[in-house]
Amino acid sequence: MTRESISSIATALVVGGGIGGMATAISLAERGVRVSLIDLDPEWRVYGAGITITGPTLRAYRRLGLLDEIKQAGAITNKTRLFRFDGTHLHDLDEPVIEEGLPATGGIMRPVLHRIMQSRVRALDIPVGLGVTVTALDADGDGVEATLSDGSKGRYDLVVGADSVFSGVRDLAFPHMGPLAPTGQGCWRISIRKPPGLDAGEFFLGHDNPCGITPCSPDNVYMWMLTRHVERESFMDEEELFTTLQGLLGDFGGNAGWIHDNMTRADWINYRPLAAALQPRPWSNGRVVLLGDAVHATTPHLASGAGMAVESAIVLAEELAGAETVEAGLAAYEERRFERCRDVIDSSVGIGRLQLEHRPPEEHKALLEGALMRLNEPF
């Protein structure tokens, strides 16, 4: 697929080799920009279990040209099954197809998705520097001189900070921004073999701690659970993670109960407190711009963090290609993304608040359905 070329910049440095950074590097390189990508991890790894890929996220990956590979490596479904926490089936939620030929929903193991994107980066001959990050940015009207942690320097027409919620680029160039705000919830995740007979995503409702199961491959799923977060002085070790999550699943039936009965200490288990932030405008400072979790970090309630990062990468490249100047392109990118990101973050945090307050299911349903309907709209 031919992309409209970007004439306002010739070179770009993308800081952060995660989903947002790789999507940005791919989108810019396909439009003729000489991109350099750097990541702090010397082995360019990703941690995590699975990832839910909703219709809007799949639509964004289709725009990147990666949909077929995701379909082949992941698990694609067209419905989500809703259960009471004890395993009583409530009803099936048909997922709308938002584009012809586009799957409605699915899941994939996060390391597998990472490898798919890495392969595209390599196929585009994008140089990747590992084990380094940016330590200084010296900008003028025509570009940015970036100093890296290994002492090397380079000059670029554009620097993109896609370096996580703990963005170093944000700290260097955006003093008006701040840290994430805790939401009061925490998220548990376990990666485990697929329960027999499971053929769709499942949600378990009516409990203080809602949970869900997402198929990620023919043989694997990940399960998430949301709980009230309790501050503590030390992290849980692997044994405490296992016993605590197994205890939290004690009331659950159905496939969530199957996971309770069959989980082992060899399964990957993780817990993290949830936090979110929509950083205040502007999102660019001269020729430095932020993207993804560095500027619009959300919670997992709408399963849209990855999708929003990929969308932002695509929009950034599109607006730079369509603008006469870099400044105009960056302004158009921010204008096009700000309210959509605000809606996703506000809706996600709002759903979590309703869960913490034990609000009636009708309120959850109204907020969730409205948010999903807006997510399905073109970006």
Protein backbone atom coordinates (compact mmCIF):
# COMPACT_ATOMS: atom_id res chain seq x y z
CA MET A 1 0.00 0.00 0.00
CA THR A 2 1.43 3.37 -1.06
CA ARG A 3 1.60 5.98 1.68
CA GLU A 4 1.63 9.72 1.14
CA SER A 5 5.21 10.84 1.73
CA ILE A 6 6.27 13.30 4.40
CA SER A 7 8.18 16.23 2.92
CA SER A 8 8.56 18.44 6.00
CA ILE A 9 11.05 16.13 7.77
CA ALA A 10 13.77 13.80 6.58
CA THR A 11 14.93 12.25 9.87
CA ALA A 12 13.28 11.25 13.13
CA LEU A 13 14.34 9.70 16.43
CA VAL A 14 11.70 7.55 18.12
CA VAL A 15 12.39 6.95 21.81
CA GLY A 16 10.76 3.77 23.10
CA GLY A 17 10.53 0.40 21.38
CA GLY A 18 7.13 -0.68 22.66
CA ILE A 19 3.84 -0.76 20.77
CA GLY A 20 3.54 3.02 20.35
CA GLY A 21 7.18 3.51 19.42
CA MET A 22 7.26 0.70 16.88
CA ALA A 23 3.97 1.83 15.35
CA THR A 24 5.42 5.34 15.00
CA ALA A 25 8.67 4.10 13.47
CA ILE A 26 6.76 1.97 10.96
CA SER A 27 4.32 4.75 10.05
CA LEU A 28 7.06 7.35 9.52
CA ALA A 29 9.42 5.01 7.65
CA GLU A 30 6.68 3.96 5.25
CA ARG A 31 6.28 7.64 4.37
CA GLY A 32 9.93 8.13 3.49
CA VAL A 33 11.37 9.35 6.81
CA ARG A 34 14.77 7.98 7.90
CA VAL A 35 13.87 6.76 11.36
CA SER A 36 16.12 5.71 14.23
CA LEU A 37 14.48 3.76 17.06
CA ILE A 38 16.00 3.37 20.52
CA ASP A 39 14.91 1.39 23.56
CA LEU A 40 16.34 1.25 27.07
CA ASP A 41 16.14 -2.54 27.32
CA PRO A 42 19.34 -4.03 25.83
CA GLU A 43 17.38 -7.15 24.83
CA TRP A 44 14.26 -5.33 23.54
CA ARG A 45 11.94 -7.57 25.50
CA VAL A 46 8.34 -7.17 26.53
CA TYR A 47 6.76 -8.44 29.71
CA GLY A 48 3.16 -9.42 30.18
CA ALA A 49 0.58 -12.04 29.47
CA GLY A 50 -2.02 -11.52 26.80
CA ILE A 51 -3.64 -8.49 25.31
CA THR A 52 -7.26 -8.05 24.30
CA ILE A 53 -7.54 -6.65 20.78
CA THR A 54 -10.89 -4.99 20.19
CA GLY A 55 -12.35 -4.07 16.82
CA PRO A 56 -10.92 -0.53 16.90
CA THR A 57 -7.47 -1.90 17.78
CA LEU A 58 -7.66 -4.44 14.95
CA ARG A 59 -8.69 -1.60 12.63
CA ALA A 60 -5.57 0.33 13.60
CA TYR A 61 -3.36 -2.70 13.02
CA ARG A 62 -4.98 -3.21 9.64
CA ARG A 63 -3.85 0.32 8.77
CA LEU A 64 -0.32 -0.75 9.74
CA GLY A 65 -0.59 -3.78 7.46
CA LEU A 66 -0.25 -6.27 10.33
CA LEU A 67 -3.81 -7.61 10.64
CA ASP A 68 -3.24 -10.91 8.82
CA GLU A 69 -0.23 -11.78 10.97
CA ILE A 70 -2.16 -10.96 14.15
CA LYS A 71 -5.10 -13.10 13.02
CA GLN A 72 -2.77 -15.99 12.30
CA ALA A 73 -0.84 -15.80 15.58
CA GLY A 74 -3.68 -14.79 17.90
CA ALA A 75 -7.25 -15.85 18.58
CA ILE A 76 -10.07 -14.04 16.79
CA THR A 77 -13.69 -14.22 17.96
CA ASN A 78 -16.95 -12.45 17.20
CA LYS A 79 -18.62 -12.47 20.59
CA THR A 80 -18.09 -12.12 24.31
CA ARG A 81 -19.99 -14.35 26.73
CA LEU A 82 -21.27 -12.84 29.98
CA PHE A 83 -21.59 -14.90 33.14
CA ARG A 84 -22.54 -14.37 36.73
CA PHE A 85 -19.43 -14.90 38.86
CA ASP A 86 -20.69 -18.36 39.93
CA GLY A 87 -20.64 -19.52 36.31
CA THR A 88 -24.32 -18.96 35.44
CA HIS A 89 -24.52 -17.93 31.79
CA LEU A 90 -26.28 -14.57 31.38
CA HIS A 91 -26.10 -13.83 27.65
CA ASP A 92 -23.77 -13.45 24.70
CA LEU A 93 -22.71 -9.98 23.66
CA ASP A 94 -22.43 -9.81 19.89
CA GLU A 95 -19.51 -7.60 18.93
CA PRO A 96 -20.23 -5.26 16.00
CA VAL A 97 -18.02 -5.50 12.94
CA ILE A 98 -16.89 -1.93 12.28
CA GLU A 99 -15.31 -2.52 8.86
CA GLU A 100 -15.92 -5.10 6.16
CA GLY A 101 -13.58 -8.05 6.59
CA LEU A 102 -12.41 -6.86 10.01
CA PRO A 103 -12.77 -9.28 12.95
CA ALA A 104 -14.84 -8.04 15.84
CA THR A 105 -12.50 -8.87 18.71
CA GLY A 106 -9.81 -11.25 19.89
CA GLY A 107 -6.59 -11.59 21.79
CA ILE A 108 -2.91 -12.32 21.36
CA MET A 109 0.03 -12.99 23.64
CA ARG A 110 1.84 -9.72 24.18
CA PRO A 111 5.32 -11.12 23.40
CA VAL A 112 3.96 -12.54 20.13
CA LEU A 113 2.52 -9.16 19.13
CA HIS A 114 5.85 -7.57 20.05
CA ARG A 115 7.71 -9.97 17.74
CA ILE A 116 5.30 -9.30 14.86
CA MET A 117 5.95 -5.57 15.15
CA GLN A 118 9.70 -6.08 15.56
CA SER A 119 9.75 -8.06 12.33
CA ARG A 120 8.12 -5.19 10.45
CA VAL A 121 10.62 -2.71 11.93
CA ARG A 122 13.50 -4.89 10.74
CA ALA A 123 11.91 -5.40 7.30
CA LEU A 124 11.89 -1.61 6.86
CA ASP A 125 15.62 -1.48 7.72
CA ILE A 126 14.99 0.85 10.65
CA PRO A 127 18.16 1.01 12.78
CA VAL A 128 17.44 0.05 16.39
CA GLY A 129 19.70 1.16 19.25
CA LEU A 130 19.28 -0.93 22.41
CA GLY A 131 20.29 -0.26 25.99
CA VAL A 132 20.18 3.52 25.50
CA THR A 133 17.81 6.39 26.09
CA VAL A 134 17.83 10.16 25.75
CA THR A 135 19.54 12.23 28.42
CA ALA A 136 19.39 15.71 26.84
CA LEU A 137 17.48 17.47 24.09
CA ASP A 138 18.72 20.73 22.57
CA ALA A 139 16.10 22.08 20.20
CA ASP A 140 16.02 24.99 17.80
CA GLY A 141 13.60 25.99 15.09
CA ASP A 142 14.89 23.48 12.56
CA GLY A 143 15.52 20.36 14.60
CA VAL A 144 16.70 18.71 17.79
CA GLU A 145 20.13 17.56 18.93
CA ALA A 146 19.66 14.49 21.10
CA THR A 147 22.27 13.25 23.55
CA LEU A 148 21.99 9.58 24.42
CA SER A 149 22.95 7.77 27.60
CA ASP A 150 25.99 6.23 25.90
CA GLY A 151 27.35 9.72 25.20
CA SER A 152 26.57 9.74 21.48
CA LYS A 153 24.75 12.63 19.84
CA GLY A 154 22.60 13.01 16.78
CA ARG A 155 20.57 15.71 15.10
CA TYR A 156 17.02 14.99 13.95
CA ASP A 157 14.19 16.88 12.32
CA LEU A 158 11.78 15.34 14.84
CA VAL A 159 12.01 13.50 18.18
CA VAL A 160 9.05 11.35 19.27
CA GLY A 161 8.75 10.30 22.91
CA ALA A 162 6.88 7.00 23.08
CA ASP A 163 8.80 5.82 26.12
CA SER A 164 6.09 4.61 28.51
CA VAL A 165 4.30 6.14 31.46
CA PHE A 166 7.71 6.95 32.94
CA SER A 167 8.74 8.93 29.86
CA GLY A 168 12.19 10.47 30.04
CA VAL A 169 11.40 12.62 27.00
CA ARG A 170 8.42 14.03 28.89
CA ASP A 171 10.62 14.87 31.86
CA LEU A 172 13.18 16.60 29.64
CA ALA A 173 10.94 18.68 27.42
CA PHE A 174 7.50 19.06 29.03
CA PRO A 175 7.74 20.65 32.48
CA HIS A 176 4.00 21.42 32.52
CA MET A 177 3.16 17.70 32.67
CA GLY A 178 3.05 15.46 35.70
CA PRO A 179 2.88 11.86 36.95
CA LEU A 180 -0.03 9.48 36.63
CA ALA A 181 -2.93 9.57 39.08
CA PRO A 182 -3.76 6.33 40.96
CA THR A 183 -7.34 5.11 40.43
CA GLY A 184 -7.72 3.01 43.58
CA GLN A 185 -7.90 -0.28 41.68
CA GLY A 186 -5.35 -2.95 40.89
CA CYS A 187 -5.27 -5.47 38.05
CA TRP A 188 -4.33 -9.14 38.36
CA ARG A 189 -3.28 -11.13 35.30
CA ILE A 190 -2.48 -14.78 34.78
CA SER A 191 -1.35 -16.51 31.59
CA ILE A 192 -2.51 -20.13 31.52
CA ARG A 193 -3.50 -22.92 29.16
CA LYS A 194 -6.97 -22.63 27.66
CA PRO A 195 -9.84 -24.18 29.60
CA PRO A 196 -11.51 -27.02 27.64
CA GLY A 197 -14.35 -25.81 25.43
CA LEU A 198 -13.65 -22.08 25.75
CA ASP A 199 -14.27 -20.49 22.35
CA ALA A 200 -14.86 -16.79 23.09
CA GLY A 201 -13.96 -14.05 25.51
CA GLU A 202 -15.75 -14.30 28.84
CA PHE A 203 -16.70 -11.75 31.52
CA PHE A 204 -17.70 -12.69 35.07
CA LEU A 205 -19.91 -10.10 36.74
CA GLY A 206 -21.81 -9.49 39.97
CA HIS A 207 -18.80 -9.84 42.26
CA ASP A 208 -16.78 -7.17 44.04
CA ASN A 209 -13.85 -8.28 41.88
CA PRO A 210 -14.93 -8.59 38.21
CA CYS A 211 -12.77 -10.74 35.99
CA GLY A 212 -12.54 -11.88 32.39
CA ILE A 213 -10.81 -14.43 30.17
CA THR A 214 -9.34 -13.64 26.75
CA PRO A 215 -8.26 -16.37 24.30
CA CYS A 216 -4.83 -15.48 22.92
CA SER A 217 -3.92 -18.52 20.80
CA PRO A 218 -5.32 -21.99 20.12
CA ASP A 219 -3.82 -23.18 23.41
CA ASN A 220 -3.49 -20.18 25.75
CA VAL A 221 -5.58 -17.55 27.47
CA TYR A 222 -5.01 -14.81 29.96
CA MET A 223 -7.35 -13.94 32.77
CA TRP A 224 -7.62 -10.52 34.40
CA MET A 225 -9.25 -9.52 37.66
CA LEU A 226 -9.83 -6.04 39.08
CA THR A 227 -9.63 -5.47 42.83
CA ARG A 228 -9.43 -2.56 45.21
CA HIS A 229 -5.77 -1.58 45.57
CA VAL A 230 -4.28 -1.63 49.05
CA GLU A 231 -0.99 0.21 49.53
CA ARG A 232 1.84 -1.83 51.03
CA GLU A 233 5.54 -1.37 51.64
CA SER A 234 6.83 -4.36 49.66
CA PHE A 235 6.00 -6.17 46.43
CA MET A 236 4.43 -9.62 46.53
CA ASP A 237 6.75 -12.50 45.76
CA GLU A 238 5.72 -15.31 43.39
CA GLU A 239 4.27 -17.47 46.18
CA GLU A 240 2.12 -14.64 47.55
CA LEU A 241 0.94 -13.72 44.05
CA PHE A 242 -0.16 -17.31 43.49
CA THR A 243 -1.92 -17.88 46.80
CA THR A 244 -3.61 -14.45 46.80
CA LEU A 245 -5.01 -14.76 43.28
CA GLN A 246 -6.16 -18.32 43.90
CA GLY A 247 -7.94 -17.10 47.01
CA LEU A 248 -9.61 -14.27 45.10
CA LEU A 249 -10.97 -16.81 42.62
CA GLY A 250 -12.52 -18.95 45.33
CA ASP A 251 -16.08 -17.68 44.74
CA PHE A 252 -15.98 -18.13 40.97
CA GLY A 253 -17.46 -20.88 38.83
CA GLY A 254 -17.33 -21.68 35.13
CA ASN A 255 -14.00 -21.26 33.41
CA ALA A 256 -12.83 -18.79 36.06
CA GLY A 257 -13.39 -21.59 38.57
CA TRP A 258 -11.49 -23.95 36.27
CA ILE A 259 -8.53 -21.57 36.39
CA HIS A 260 -8.77 -21.54 40.21
CA ASP A 261 -8.59 -25.35 40.23
CA ASN A 262 -5.87 -25.73 37.59
CA MET A 263 -3.51 -22.77 38.03
CA THR A 264 0.05 -23.70 38.97
CA ARG A 265 3.08 -21.87 40.25
CA ALA A 266 4.60 -22.20 36.77
CA ASP A 267 1.91 -19.91 35.29
CA TRP A 268 2.87 -16.26 34.80
CA ILE A 269 1.04 -14.11 37.38
CA ASN A 270 1.28 -10.34 37.76
CA TYR A 271 -0.35 -7.62 39.82
CA ARG A 272 -0.07 -3.87 39.39
CA PRO A 273 -1.94 -0.85 40.74
CA LEU A 274 -3.80 1.10 38.11
CA ALA A 275 -3.13 4.73 37.27
CA ALA A 276 -3.99 7.00 34.37
CA ALA A 277 -3.32 10.47 33.01
CA LEU A 278 -4.26 12.61 30.07
CA GLN A 279 -1.38 15.05 30.01
CA PRO A 280 -2.27 18.73 29.51
CA ARG A 281 -1.69 20.39 26.18
CA PRO A 282 0.50 21.13 24.34
CA TRP A 283 1.77 17.67 23.44
CA SER A 284 4.65 19.07 21.40
CA ASN A 285 7.49 21.42 22.25
CA GLY A 286 9.11 22.64 19.06
CA ARG A 287 10.22 19.53 17.19
CA VAL A 288 9.66 17.18 20.18
CA VAL A 289 6.31 15.39 20.49
CA LEU A 290 4.80 12.75 22.80
CA LEU A 291 2.67 9.74 21.96
CA GLY A 292 1.09 6.71 23.65
CA ASP A 293 1.38 6.10 27.39
CA ALA A 294 3.84 8.99 27.66
CA VAL A 295 0.94 11.38 27.12
CA HIS A 296 -2.38 9.45 27.18
CA ALA A 297 -2.08 6.54 29.63
CA THR A 298 -5.33 4.74 30.36
CA THR A 299 -6.56 1.81 32.46
CA PRO A 300 -7.53 -1.55 30.92
CA HIS A 301 -11.31 -1.20 31.31
CA LEU A 302 -11.89 -0.59 27.59
CA ALA A 303 -8.92 -2.72 26.45
CA SER A 304 -7.77 0.27 24.40
CA GLY A 305 -4.28 1.26 25.57
CA ALA A 306 -2.46 -0.47 22.71
CA GLY A 307 -5.04 0.55 20.16
CA MET A 308 -4.88 4.19 21.14
CA ALA A 309 -1.08 4.19 20.85
CA VAL A 310 -1.22 2.68 17.35
CA GLU A 311 -3.93 5.14 16.32
CA SER A 312 -1.81 8.04 17.55
CA ALA A 313 1.19 6.80 15.57
CA ILE A 314 -0.87 6.59 12.40
CA VAL A 315 -2.44 10.01 12.93
CA LEU A 316 0.95 11.64 13.62
CA ALA A 317 2.33 10.33 10.32
CA GLU A 318 -0.82 11.24 8.40
CA GLU A 319 -0.91 14.81 9.69
CA LEU A 320 2.79 15.35 9.05
CA ALA A 321 2.28 14.08 5.50
CA GLY A 322 -0.67 16.40 4.93
CA ALA A 323 0.79 19.59 6.44
CA GLU A 324 3.08 22.14 4.85
CA THR A 325 5.14 22.58 8.03
CA VAL A 326 6.15 20.37 10.94
CA GLU A 327 4.47 22.75 13.37
CA ALA A 328 1.18 22.56 11.51
CA GLY A 329 1.38 18.77 11.39
CA LEU A 330 2.05 18.46 15.11
CA ALA A 331 -0.77 20.83 15.94
CA ALA A 332 -3.18 18.86 13.73
CA TYR A 333 -2.06 15.59 15.35
CA GLU A 334 -2.78 16.95 18.81
CA GLU A 335 -6.12 18.41 17.77
CA ARG A 336 -7.22 15.14 16.22
CA ARG A 337 -6.18 12.98 19.18
CA PHE A 338 -6.83 14.98 22.34
CA GLU A 339 -10.59 14.58 22.77
CA ARG A 340 -10.63 10.94 21.64
CA CYS A 341 -7.93 10.10 24.18
CA ARG A 342 -9.74 12.10 26.84
CA ASP A 343 -12.93 10.12 26.19
CA VAL A 344 -11.18 6.75 26.48
CA ILE A 345 -9.37 7.70 29.69
CA ASP A 346 -12.37 9.34 31.35
CA SER A 347 -14.64 6.42 30.42
CA SER A 348 -12.13 3.80 31.58
CA VAL A 349 -11.49 5.51 34.91
CA GLY A 350 -15.23 6.09 35.27
CA ILE A 351 -16.00 2.39 34.85
CA GLY A 352 -13.43 1.60 37.54
CA ARG A 353 -15.02 4.15 39.86
CA LEU A 354 -18.43 2.53 39.40
CA GLN A 355 -16.90 -0.83 40.28
CA LEU A 356 -15.30 0.54 43.44
CA GLU A 357 -18.57 2.16 44.47
CA HIS A 358 -20.59 -1.01 43.73
CA ARG A 359 -22.95 0.93 41.49
CA PRO A 360 -25.87 -0.85 39.78
CA PRO A 361 -25.06 -2.90 36.65
CA GLU A 362 -27.25 -0.59 34.56
CA GLU A 363 -24.84 2.29 35.18
CA HIS A 364 -21.87 0.15 34.12
CA LYS A 365 -23.73 -0.97 31.01
CA ALA A 366 -24.66 2.57 29.96
CA LEU A 367 -21.15 3.95 30.40
CA LEU A 368 -19.49 0.96 28.72
CA GLU A 369 -21.81 0.79 25.72
CA GLY A 370 -21.58 4.52 25.08
CA ALA A 371 -17.78 4.45 25.23
CA LEU A 372 -17.55 1.43 22.92
CA MET A 373 -19.88 3.04 20.41
CA ARG A 374 -17.68 6.15 20.27
CA LEU A 375 -14.54 4.00 20.01
CA ASN A 376 -15.98 2.35 16.90
CA GLU A 377 -16.21 5.73 15.14
CA PRO A 378 -13.44 6.62 12.65
CA PHE A 379 -10.32 8.08 14.20
